[in-house]
PDB file of N, CA and C in Angstrom:
ATOM      1  N   MET A   1     191.910  56.349 110.129  1.00  0.00           N
ATOM      2  CA  MET A   1     190.826  56.444 109.199  1.00  0.00           C
ATOM      3  C   MET A   1     189.612  56.970 109.719  1.00  0.00           C
ATOM      4  N   ASP A   2     189.233  58.062 109.061  1.00  0.00           N
ATOM      5  CA  ASP A   2     187.997  58.705 109.404  1.00  0.00           C
ATOM      6  C   ASP A   2     186.835  58.016 108.926  1.00  0.00           C
ATOM      7  N   ALA A   3     186.157  57.358 109.622  1.00  0.00           N
ATOM      8  CA  ALA A   3     184.924  56.559 109.250  1.00  0.00           C
ATOM      9  C   ALA A   3     183.514  57.397 109.595  1.00  0.00           C
ATOM     10  N   ARG A   4     183.612  58.609 110.024  1.00  0.00           N
ATOM     11  CA  ARG A   4     182.444  59.312 110.324  1.00  0.00           C
ATOM     12  C   ARG A   4     181.394  59.476 109.154  1.00  0.00           C
ATOM     13  N   THR A   5     180.217  59.564 109.589  1.00  0.00           N
ATOM     14  CA  THR A   5     179.226  59.958 108.411  1.00  0.00           C
ATOM     15  C   THR A   5     179.294  61.449 108.260  1.00  0.00           C
ATOM     16  N   PRO A   6     178.676  61.871 107.062  1.00  0.00           N
ATOM     17  CA  PRO A   6     178.541  63.385 106.950  1.00  0.00           C
ATOM     18  C   PRO A   6     177.885  64.098 108.081  1.00  0.00           C
ATOM     19  N   LEU A   7     176.682  63.556 108.503  1.00  0.00           N
ATOM     20  CA  LEU A   7     176.083  64.088 109.777  1.00  0.00           C
ATOM     21  C   LEU A   7     177.073  64.158 110.935  1.00  0.00           C
ATOM     22  N   GLU A   8     177.862  63.038 111.207  1.00  0.00           N
ATOM     23  CA  GLU A   8     178.721  63.076 112.472  1.00  0.00           C
ATOM     24  C   GLU A   8     179.703  64.186 112.191  1.00  0.00           C
ATOM     25  N   LYS A   9     180.328  64.399 111.011  1.00  0.00           N
ATOM     26  CA  LYS A   9     181.266  65.340 110.850  1.00  0.00           C
ATOM     27  C   LYS A   9     180.735  66.844 110.792  1.00  0.00           C
ATOM     28  N   ALA A  10     179.435  66.914 110.371  1.00  0.00           N
ATOM     29  CA  ALA A  10     178.765  68.298 110.587  1.00  0.00           C
ATOM     30  C   ALA A  10     178.706  68.608 112.034  1.00  0.00           C
ATOM     31  N   LEU A  11     178.284  67.717 112.744  1.00  0.00           N
ATOM     32  CA  LEU A  11     177.974  67.978 114.221  1.00  0.00           C
ATOM     33  C   LEU A  11     179.251  68.176 115.052  1.00  0.00           C
ATOM     34  N   TRP A  12     180.309  67.284 114.600  1.00  0.00           N
ATOM     35  CA  TRP A  12     181.630  67.591 115.266  1.00  0.00           C
ATOM     36  C   TRP A  12     182.012  69.044 114.850  1.00  0.00           C
ATOM     37  N   ASP A  13     182.034  69.533 113.726  1.00  0.00           N
ATOM     38  CA  ASP A  13     182.404  70.985 113.326  1.00  0.00           C
ATOM     39  C   ASP A  13     181.682  71.914 113.957  1.00  0.00           C
ATOM     40  N   ARG A  14     180.229  71.848 114.134  1.00  0.00           N
ATOM     41  CA  ARG A  14     179.402  72.845 114.590  1.00  0.00           C
ATOM     42  C   ARG A  14     179.356  72.815 116.078  1.00  0.00           C
ATOM     43  N   ILE A  15     179.230  71.668 116.664  1.00  0.00           N
ATOM     44  CA  ILE A  15     178.789  71.460 118.291  1.00  0.00           C
ATOM     45  C   ILE A  15     180.196  71.141 118.985  1.00  0.00           C
ATOM     46  N   GLY A  16     180.660  70.111 118.321  1.00  0.00           N
ATOM     47  CA  GLY A  16     181.984  69.663 119.122  1.00  0.00           C
ATOM     48  C   GLY A  16     182.039  68.175 119.148  1.00  0.00           C
ATOM     49  N   PRO A  17     183.118  67.617 119.573  1.00  0.00           N
ATOM     50  CA  PRO A  17     183.211  66.167 119.434  1.00  0.00           C
ATOM     51  C   PRO A  17     182.421  65.409 120.521  1.00  0.00           C
ATOM     52  N   PRO A  18     182.028  64.206 120.243  1.00  0.00           N
ATOM     53  CA  PRO A  18     181.220  63.418 121.264  1.00  0.00           C
ATOM     54  C   PRO A  18     181.869  63.195 122.459  1.00  0.00           C
ATOM     55  N   LEU A  19     181.137  63.006 123.474  1.00  0.00           N
ATOM     56  CA  LEU A  19     181.814  62.699 124.846  1.00  0.00           C
ATOM     57  C   LEU A  19     182.851  61.599 124.943  1.00  0.00           C
ATOM     58  N   TYR A  20     182.554  60.624 123.993  1.00  0.00           N
ATOM     59  CA  TYR A  20     183.519  59.517 123.982  1.00  0.00           C
ATOM     60  C   TYR A  20     183.456  59.057 122.427  1.00  0.00           C
ATOM     61  N   TYR A  21     184.770  58.782 121.922  1.00  0.00           N
ATOM     62  CA  TYR A  21     184.912  58.511 120.537  1.00  0.00           C
ATOM     63  C   TYR A  21     186.020  57.550 120.369  1.00  0.00           C
ATOM     64  N   CYS A  22     185.878  56.669 119.371  1.00  0.00           N
ATOM     65  CA  CYS A  22     187.053  55.780 119.065  1.00  0.00           C
ATOM     66  C   CYS A  22     188.323  56.328 118.528  1.00  0.00           C
ATOM     67  N   ALA A  23     189.445  56.116 118.985  1.00  0.00           N
ATOM     68  CA  ALA A  23     190.703  56.857 118.537  1.00  0.00           C
ATOM     69  C   ALA A  23     190.834  56.394 117.043  1.00  0.00           C
ATOM     70  N   GLU A  24     190.668  55.284 116.572  1.00  0.00           N
ATOM     71  CA  GLU A  24     190.935  54.922 115.250  1.00  0.00           C
ATOM     72  C   GLU A  24     190.104  55.408 114.106  1.00  0.00           C
ATOM     73  N   CYS A  25     188.705  55.471 114.369  1.00  0.00           N
ATOM     74  CA  CYS A  25     187.715  55.829 113.206  1.00  0.00           C
ATOM     75  C   CYS A  25     187.066  57.006 113.653  1.00  0.00           C
ATOM     76  N   LEU A  26     187.173  57.583 114.874  1.00  0.00           N
ATOM     77  CA  LEU A  26     186.386  58.959 115.294  1.00  0.00           C
ATOM     78  C   LEU A  26     185.038  58.817 115.321  1.00  0.00           C
ATOM     79  N   ARG A  27     184.596  57.511 115.300  1.00  0.00           N
ATOM     80  CA  ARG A  27     183.125  57.317 115.644  1.00  0.00           C
ATOM     81  C   ARG A  27     182.798  57.567 116.965  1.00  0.00           C
ATOM     82  N   SER A  28     181.385  57.869 117.265  1.00  0.00           N
ATOM     83  CA  SER A  28     181.019  57.974 118.602  1.00  0.00           C
ATOM     84  C   SER A  28     180.925  56.642 119.304  1.00  0.00           C
ATOM     85  N   VAL A  29     181.115  56.621 120.744  1.00  0.00           N
ATOM     86  CA  VAL A  29     181.101  55.451 121.495  1.00  0.00           C
ATOM     87  C   VAL A  29     180.332  55.742 122.748  1.00  0.00           C
ATOM     88  N   LYS A  30     179.346  54.809 122.968  1.00  0.00           N
ATOM     89  CA  LYS A  30     178.510  55.034 124.385  1.00  0.00           C
ATOM     90  C   LYS A  30     179.177  54.248 125.270  1.00  0.00           C
ATOM     91  N   VAL A  31     179.404  54.976 126.447  1.00  0.00           N
ATOM     92  CA  VAL A  31     180.104  54.400 127.580  1.00  0.00           C
ATOM     93  C   VAL A  31     179.069  54.606 128.893  1.00  0.00           C
ATOM     94  N   THR A  32     178.675  53.389 129.413  1.00  0.00           N
ATOM     95  CA  THR A  32     177.699  53.487 130.534  1.00  0.00           C
ATOM     96  C   THR A  32     178.443  53.033 131.744  1.00  0.00           C
ATOM     97  N   PRO A  33     178.489  53.870 132.797  1.00  0.00           N
ATOM     98  CA  PRO A  33     179.421  53.442 134.012  1.00  0.00           C
ATOM     99  C   PRO A  33     178.427  52.416 134.728  1.00  0.00           C
ATOM    100  N   VAL A  34     179.117  51.567 135.492  1.00  0.00           N
ATOM    101  CA  VAL A  34     178.470  50.408 136.222  1.00  0.00           C
ATOM    102  C   VAL A  34     179.252  50.512 137.592  1.00  0.00           C
ATOM    103  N   ASP A  35     178.359  50.723 138.631  1.00  0.00           N
ATOM    104  CA  ASP A  35     178.986  50.649 140.074  1.00  0.00           C
ATOM    105  C   ASP A  35     179.835  49.425 140.404  1.00  0.00           C
ATOM    106  N   GLY A  36     181.089  49.596 140.671  1.00  0.00           N
ATOM    107  CA  GLY A  36     181.755  48.507 141.189  1.00  0.00           C
ATOM    108  C   GLY A  36     182.275  47.518 140.155  1.00  0.00           C
ATOM    109  N   ALA A  37     182.319  47.853 138.886  1.00  0.00           N
ATOM    110  CA  ALA A  37     182.601  47.099 137.709  1.00  0.00           C
ATOM    111  C   ALA A  37     183.151  47.974 136.655  1.00  0.00           C
ATOM    112  N   GLU A  38     183.628  47.204 135.473  1.00  0.00           N
ATOM    113  CA  GLU A  38     183.987  47.794 134.286  1.00  0.00           C
ATOM    114  C   GLU A  38     182.736  48.561 133.594  1.00  0.00           C
ATOM    115  N   PRO A  39     183.042  49.658 132.908  1.00  0.00           N
ATOM    116  CA  PRO A  39     181.657  50.236 132.314  1.00  0.00           C
ATOM    117  C   PRO A  39     181.435  49.648 131.014  1.00  0.00           C
ATOM    118  N   ILE A  40     180.127  49.587 130.684  1.00  0.00           N
ATOM    119  CA  ILE A  40     179.636  49.015 129.420  1.00  0.00           C
ATOM    120  C   ILE A  40     179.894  49.905 128.169  1.00  0.00           C
ATOM    121  N   VAL A  41     180.584  49.214 127.314  1.00  0.00           N
ATOM    122  CA  VAL A  41     181.118  50.163 126.114  1.00  0.00           C
ATOM    123  C   VAL A  41     180.446  49.573 124.910  1.00  0.00           C
ATOM    124  N   GLN A  42     179.603  50.469 124.175  1.00  0.00           N
ATOM    125  CA  GLN A  42     178.875  50.163 122.940  1.00  0.00           C
ATOM    126  C   GLN A  42     179.440  50.919 121.746  1.00  0.00           C
ATOM    127  N   ARG A  43     180.125  50.250 120.972  1.00  0.00           N
ATOM    128  CA  ARG A  43     180.897  50.933 119.721  1.00  0.00           C
ATOM    129  C   ARG A  43     179.944  50.742 118.488  1.00  0.00           C
ATOM    130  N   LYS A  44     180.185  51.776 117.575  1.00  0.00           N
ATOM    131  CA  LYS A  44     179.499  51.588 116.117  1.00  0.00           C
ATOM    132  C   LYS A  44     180.548  50.864 115.311  1.00  0.00           C
ATOM    133  N   CYS A  45     181.717  50.712 115.696  1.00  0.00           N
ATOM    134  CA  CYS A  45     182.762  50.171 114.867  1.00  0.00           C
ATOM    135  C   CYS A  45     183.351  48.790 115.527  1.00  0.00           C
ATOM    136  N   GLU A  46     184.138  48.000 114.932  1.00  0.00           N
ATOM    137  CA  GLU A  46     184.708  46.765 115.152  1.00  0.00           C
ATOM    138  C   GLU A  46     186.044  46.987 115.924  1.00  0.00           C
ATOM    139  N   HIS A  47     186.532  48.154 116.137  1.00  0.00           N
ATOM    140  CA  HIS A  47     187.912  48.358 116.771  1.00  0.00           C
ATOM    141  C   HIS A  47     187.769  48.120 118.343  1.00  0.00           C
ATOM    142  N   THR A  48     188.957  47.658 118.730  1.00  0.00           N
ATOM    143  CA  THR A  48     189.113  47.397 120.199  1.00  0.00           C
ATOM    144  C   THR A  48     190.221  48.282 120.881  1.00  0.00           C
ATOM    145  N   GLY A  49     190.654  49.421 120.086  1.00  0.00           N
ATOM    146  CA  GLY A  49     191.545  50.358 120.631  1.00  0.00           C
ATOM    147  C   GLY A  49     191.029  51.296 121.695  1.00  0.00           C
ATOM    148  N   GLN A  50     191.703  52.415 121.846  1.00  0.00           N
ATOM    149  CA  GLN A  50     191.392  53.471 122.773  1.00  0.00           C
ATOM    150  C   GLN A  50     190.112  54.191 122.542  1.00  0.00           C
ATOM    151  N   ILE A  51     189.732  54.498 123.753  1.00  0.00           N
ATOM    152  CA  ILE A  51     188.400  55.567 123.513  1.00  0.00           C
ATOM    153  C   ILE A  51     188.862  56.802 123.936  1.00  0.00           C
ATOM    154  N   ILE A  52     188.686  57.919 123.358  1.00  0.00           N
ATOM    155  CA  ILE A  52     188.979  59.300 123.625  1.00  0.00           C
ATOM    156  C   ILE A  52     187.779  59.896 124.343  1.00  0.00           C
ATOM    157  N   ALA A  53     188.120  60.605 125.482  1.00  0.00           N
ATOM    158  CA  ALA A  53     187.076  61.332 126.156  1.00  0.00           C
ATOM    159  C   ALA A  53     187.471  62.696 126.309  1.00  0.00           C
ATOM    160  N   PRO A  54     187.253  63.680 125.416  1.00  0.00           N
ATOM    161  CA  PRO A  54     187.735  65.032 125.517  1.00  0.00           C
ATOM    162  C   PRO A  54     186.865  65.737 126.749  1.00  0.00           C
ATOM    163  N   ARG A  55     187.558  66.440 127.547  1.00  0.00           N
ATOM    164  CA  ARG A  55     186.876  67.083 128.575  1.00  0.00           C
ATOM    165  C   ARG A  55     187.387  68.551 128.698  1.00  0.00           C
ATOM    166  N   ARG A  56     186.808  69.418 129.192  1.00  0.00           N
ATOM    167  CA  ARG A  56     187.508  70.704 129.695  1.00  0.00           C
ATOM    168  C   ARG A  56     187.649  70.870 131.149  1.00  0.00           C
ATOM    169  N   ALA A  57     188.840  71.360 131.524  1.00  0.00           N
ATOM    170  CA  ALA A  57     189.151  71.406 132.979  1.00  0.00           C
ATOM    171  C   ALA A  57     188.764  72.942 133.323  1.00  0.00           C
ATOM    172  N   ILE A  58     188.052  73.120 134.443  1.00  0.00           N
ATOM    173  CA  ILE A  58     187.759  74.248 134.920  1.00  0.00           C
ATOM    174  C   ILE A  58     188.488  74.661 136.393  1.00  0.00           C
ATOM    175  N   CYS A  59     189.424  75.554 136.323  1.00  0.00           N
ATOM    176  CA  CYS A  59     190.177  75.692 137.589  1.00  0.00           C
ATOM    177  C   CYS A  59     189.715  76.966 138.201  1.00  0.00           C
ATOM    178  N   VAL A  60     189.317  77.038 139.432  1.00  0.00           N
ATOM    179  CA  VAL A  60     188.815  78.205 140.233  1.00  0.00           C
ATOM    180  C   VAL A  60     189.902  78.484 141.254  1.00  0.00           C
ATOM    181  N   GLY A  61     190.375  79.778 141.461  1.00  0.00           N
ATOM    182  CA  GLY A  61     191.167  80.295 142.490  1.00  0.00           C
ATOM    183  C   GLY A  61     190.576  80.260 143.954  1.00  0.00           C
ATOM    184  N   LYS A  62     191.345  80.767 144.782  1.00  0.00           N
ATOM    185  CA  LYS A  62     190.981  80.710 146.180  1.00  0.00           C
ATOM    186  C   LYS A  62     189.513  81.265 146.518  1.00  0.00           C
ATOM    187  N   GLY A  63     189.328  82.453 145.836  1.00  0.00           N
ATOM    188  CA  GLY A  63     188.150  83.236 146.156  1.00  0.00           C
ATOM    189  C   GLY A  63     186.999  82.641 145.532  1.00  0.00           C
ATOM    190  N   GLY A  64     187.137  81.590 144.719  1.00  0.00           N
ATOM    191  CA  GLY A  64     185.833  80.902 144.158  1.00  0.00           C
ATOM    192  C   GLY A  64     185.548  81.811 142.755  1.00  0.00           C
ATOM    193  N   ALA A  65     184.634  81.253 141.918  1.00  0.00           N
ATOM    194  CA  ALA A  65     184.350  81.793 140.576  1.00  0.00           C
ATOM    195  C   ALA A  65     183.193  82.824 140.763  1.00  0.00           C
ATOM    196  N   SER A  66     183.335  83.851 139.884  1.00  0.00           N
ATOM    197  CA  SER A  66     182.274  84.841 139.725  1.00  0.00           C
ATOM    198  C   SER A  66     180.956  84.427 139.232  1.00  0.00           C
ATOM    199  N   MET A  67     180.079  85.036 139.433  1.00  0.00           N
ATOM    200  CA  MET A  67     178.714  84.791 139.031  1.00  0.00           C
ATOM    201  C   MET A  67     178.616  84.576 137.496  1.00  0.00           C
ATOM    202  N   GLY A  68     179.289  85.207 136.765  1.00  0.00           N
ATOM    203  CA  GLY A  68     179.231  85.015 135.303  1.00  0.00           C
ATOM    204  C   GLY A  68     179.896  83.720 134.790  1.00  0.00           C
ATOM    205  N   THR A  69     181.061  83.501 135.471  1.00  0.00           N
ATOM    206  CA  THR A  69     181.687  82.266 135.371  1.00  0.00           C
ATOM    207  C   THR A  69     180.924  81.151 135.633  1.00  0.00           C
ATOM    208  N   LYS A  70     180.145  81.245 136.857  1.00  0.00           N
ATOM    209  CA  LYS A  70     179.381  80.084 137.226  1.00  0.00           C
ATOM    210  C   LYS A  70     178.223  79.908 136.286  1.00  0.00           C
ATOM    211  N   VAL A  71     177.544  80.782 135.628  1.00  0.00           N
ATOM    212  CA  VAL A  71     176.707  80.865 134.758  1.00  0.00           C
ATOM    213  C   VAL A  71     177.181  80.200 133.578  1.00  0.00           C
ATOM    214  N   ARG A  72     178.396  80.592 132.950  1.00  0.00           N
ATOM    215  CA  ARG A  72     178.944  79.973 131.722  1.00  0.00           C
ATOM    216  C   ARG A  72     179.219  78.562 131.950  1.00  0.00           C
ATOM    217  N   ILE A  73     179.623  77.982 133.084  1.00  0.00           N
ATOM    218  CA  ILE A  73     180.022  76.664 133.421  1.00  0.00           C
ATOM    219  C   ILE A  73     178.621  75.823 133.455  1.00  0.00           C
ATOM    220  N   ALA A  74     177.556  76.381 133.964  1.00  0.00           N
ATOM    221  CA  ALA A  74     176.190  75.722 134.206  1.00  0.00           C
ATOM    222  C   ALA A  74     175.877  75.591 132.660  1.00  0.00           C
ATOM    223  N   ALA A  75     175.893  76.688 131.913  1.00  0.00           N
ATOM    224  CA  ALA A  75     175.441  76.642 130.621  1.00  0.00           C
ATOM    225  C   ALA A  75     176.308  75.564 129.684  1.00  0.00           C
ATOM    226  N   MET A  76     177.727  75.395 129.923  1.00  0.00           N
ATOM    227  CA  MET A  76     178.204  74.417 129.153  1.00  0.00           C
ATOM    228  C   MET A  76     177.919  73.077 129.624  1.00  0.00           C
ATOM    229  N   GLN A  77     177.797  72.819 131.075  1.00  0.00           N
ATOM    230  CA  GLN A  77     177.396  71.483 131.408  1.00  0.00           C
ATOM    231  C   GLN A  77     176.074  71.179 130.927  1.00  0.00           C
ATOM    232  N   ALA A  78     175.077  72.127 130.879  1.00  0.00           N
ATOM    233  CA  ALA A  78     173.735  71.678 130.529  1.00  0.00           C
ATOM    234  C   ALA A  78     173.672  71.443 128.781  1.00  0.00           C
ATOM    235  N   ALA A  79     174.424  72.188 128.125  1.00  0.00           N
ATOM    236  CA  ALA A  79     174.545  71.848 126.627  1.00  0.00           C
ATOM    237  C   ALA A  79     175.428  70.554 126.357  1.00  0.00           C
ATOM    238  N   SER A  80     176.291  70.105 127.284  1.00  0.00           N
ATOM    239  CA  SER A  80     176.873  68.813 127.128  1.00  0.00           C
ATOM    240  C   SER A  80     175.866  67.702 127.443  1.00  0.00           C
ATOM    241  N   ALA A  81     175.083  67.932 128.548  1.00  0.00           N
ATOM    242  CA  ALA A  81     174.053  67.040 128.961  1.00  0.00           C
ATOM    243  C   ALA A  81     173.037  66.680 127.871  1.00  0.00           C
ATOM    244  N   ILE A  82     172.650  67.848 127.181  1.00  0.00           N
ATOM    245  CA  ILE A  82     171.559  67.821 126.186  1.00  0.00           C
ATOM    246  C   ILE A  82     172.044  67.260 124.816  1.00  0.00           C
ATOM    247  N   THR A  83     173.212  67.618 124.376  1.00  0.00           N
ATOM    248  CA  THR A  83     173.717  67.247 123.023  1.00  0.00           C
ATOM    249  C   THR A  83     174.468  65.996 123.145  1.00  0.00           C
ATOM    250  N   GLY A  84     175.022  65.633 124.227  1.00  0.00           N
ATOM    251  CA  GLY A  84     175.850  64.389 124.441  1.00  0.00           C
ATOM    252  C   GLY A  84     177.344  64.711 123.794  1.00  0.00           C
ATOM    253  N   ARG A  85     177.760  66.001 123.775  1.00  0.00           N
ATOM    254  CA  ARG A  85     178.912  66.398 123.245  1.00  0.00           C
ATOM    255  C   ARG A  85     179.587  67.363 124.122  1.00  0.00           C
ATOM    256  N   THR A  86     181.081  67.297 123.778  1.00  0.00           N
ATOM    257  CA  THR A  86     181.822  68.336 124.504  1.00  0.00           C
ATOM    258  C   THR A  86     181.645  69.687 124.059  1.00  0.00           C
ATOM    259  N   VAL A  87     181.077  70.611 124.573  1.00  0.00           N
ATOM    260  CA  VAL A  87     180.514  72.137 124.063  1.00  0.00           C
ATOM    261  C   VAL A  87     181.349  73.008 124.866  1.00  0.00           C
TER     262      VAL A  87
END
């Protein structure tokens, strides 16, 4: 069941999905890592199911990445850090 607000749907369509979201209702979830313990999970919903964490994998060959690829990767990482979404 899609329980996202209209703003969350618009952000999902224009920017991308959140870094973590509930698999049942698609609402964003805040996950804070804790050294040596389970992470702290803060949900906007009451579900206890899975948390989806969409990521992009970047594979680089033996020779390394070109300067253009390094710049694109850095831009994607910066955009994800600023927006809190997978860009």
